[in-house]
Protein backbone atom coordinates (compact mmCIF):
# COMPACT_ATOMS: atom_id res chain seq x y z
CA UNK A 1 10.07 -5.86 4.24
CA UNK A 2 10.75 -8.46 6.91
CA UNK A 3 11.48 -12.01 5.79
CA UNK A 4 11.39 -14.90 8.25
CA UNK A 5 10.38 -18.50 8.49
CA UNK A 6 7.29 -19.93 10.15
CA UNK A 7 9.11 -20.86 13.37
CA UNK A 8 10.44 -17.32 13.81
CA UNK A 9 6.95 -15.94 13.31
CA UNK A 10 5.42 -18.39 15.76
CA UNK A 11 7.99 -17.51 18.45
CA UNK A 12 7.42 -13.74 18.14
CA UNK A 13 4.04 -13.35 16.45
CA UNK A 14 2.82 -10.32 18.42
CA UNK A 15 6.04 -8.40 17.80
CA UNK A 16 5.96 -9.06 14.06
CA UNK A 17 2.24 -8.35 13.67
CA UNK A 18 2.72 -5.08 15.58
CA UNK A 19 5.43 -4.11 13.07
CA UNK A 20 3.01 -4.86 10.23
CA UNK A 21 0.18 -2.79 11.67
CA UNK A 22 2.11 0.03 13.35
CA UNK A 23 5.12 0.47 11.05
CA UNK A 24 3.42 -0.62 7.81
CA UNK A 25 6.03 -3.33 7.30
CA UNK A 26 5.37 -6.17 4.89
CA UNK A 27 5.98 -9.58 6.41
CA UNK A 28 7.26 -12.30 4.06
CA UNK A 29 7.00 -15.77 5.59
CA UNK A 30 9.09 -18.42 3.87
CA UNK A 31 7.82 -21.98 3.83
CA UNK A 32 8.85 -25.29 2.32
CA UNK A 33 8.20 -25.98 -1.36
CA UNK A 34 7.94 -22.24 -2.09
CA UNK A 35 4.53 -22.00 -0.39
CA UNK A 36 5.40 -18.55 0.94
CA UNK A 37 2.96 -16.09 2.49
CA UNK A 38 2.87 -12.28 2.57
CA UNK A 39 1.21 -10.46 5.49
CA UNK A 40 0.03 -6.86 5.11
CA UNK A 41 -1.92 -4.58 7.41
CA UNK A 42 -5.57 -4.08 6.52
CA UNK A 43 -4.86 -0.41 5.79
CA UNK A 44 -2.04 -1.32 3.38
CA UNK A 45 -4.18 -3.98 1.73
CA UNK A 46 -7.12 -1.60 1.23
CA UNK A 47 -4.79 1.05 -0.18
CA UNK A 48 -3.33 -1.50 -2.60
CA UNK A 49 -6.81 -2.53 -3.80
CA UNK A 50 -7.82 1.10 -4.31
CA UNK A 51 -4.67 1.80 -6.31
CA UNK A 52 -5.18 -1.30 -8.43
CA UNK A 53 -8.74 -0.18 -9.17
CA UNK A 54 -7.76 3.39 -10.02
CA UNK A 55 -4.77 2.42 -12.13
CA UNK A 56 -6.55 -0.53 -13.76
CA UNK A 57 -9.08 1.61 -15.63
CA UNK A 58 -7.48 3.39 -18.59
CA UNK A 59 -9.72 6.46 -18.22
CA UNK A 60 -8.83 6.78 -14.52
CA UNK A 61 -5.14 6.26 -15.24
CA UNK A 62 -5.14 8.87 -18.02
CA UNK A 63 -6.98 11.39 -15.84
CA UNK A 64 -4.55 10.84 -12.94
CA UNK A 65 -1.51 11.16 -15.20
CA UNK A 66 -2.87 14.38 -16.73
CA UNK A 67 -3.43 15.80 -13.26
CA UNK A 68 0.08 14.78 -12.23
CA UNK A 69 1.55 16.44 -15.32
CA UNK A 70 -0.39 19.64 -14.63
CA UNK A 71 0.85 19.67 -11.04
CA UNK A 72 4.47 19.04 -12.03
CA UNK A 73 4.39 21.77 -14.68
CA UNK A 74 2.93 24.30 -12.24
CA UNK A 75 -0.47 24.57 -13.88
CA UNK A 76 -2.33 25.07 -10.62
CA UNK A 77 -5.21 27.27 -9.59
CA UNK A 78 -5.89 28.34 -6.04
CA UNK A 79 -9.51 28.75 -4.99
CA UNK A 80 -11.00 30.01 -1.76
CA UNK A 81 -13.36 27.64 -0.03
CA UNK A 82 -16.96 28.78 0.12
CA UNK A 83 -18.43 28.45 3.57
CA UNK A 84 -22.20 27.97 3.35
């Protein structure tokens, strides 16, 4: 995460926005009166929304955790792909 103030962002906006989009950095912009701003890439933002959706539904969460437990305990099956 990169933290800077508004003036620093203004002076080097392209550089910082490139870091956000290319390096998946989170940009934390500090402002007066605690009116701070966080900048994320669109890809990071969409991923965050998808994770919140998947983890927010108990049935989805339970299914994902069961799958994770099966993977970690080695309960895997390998299948050949069928080419039609």
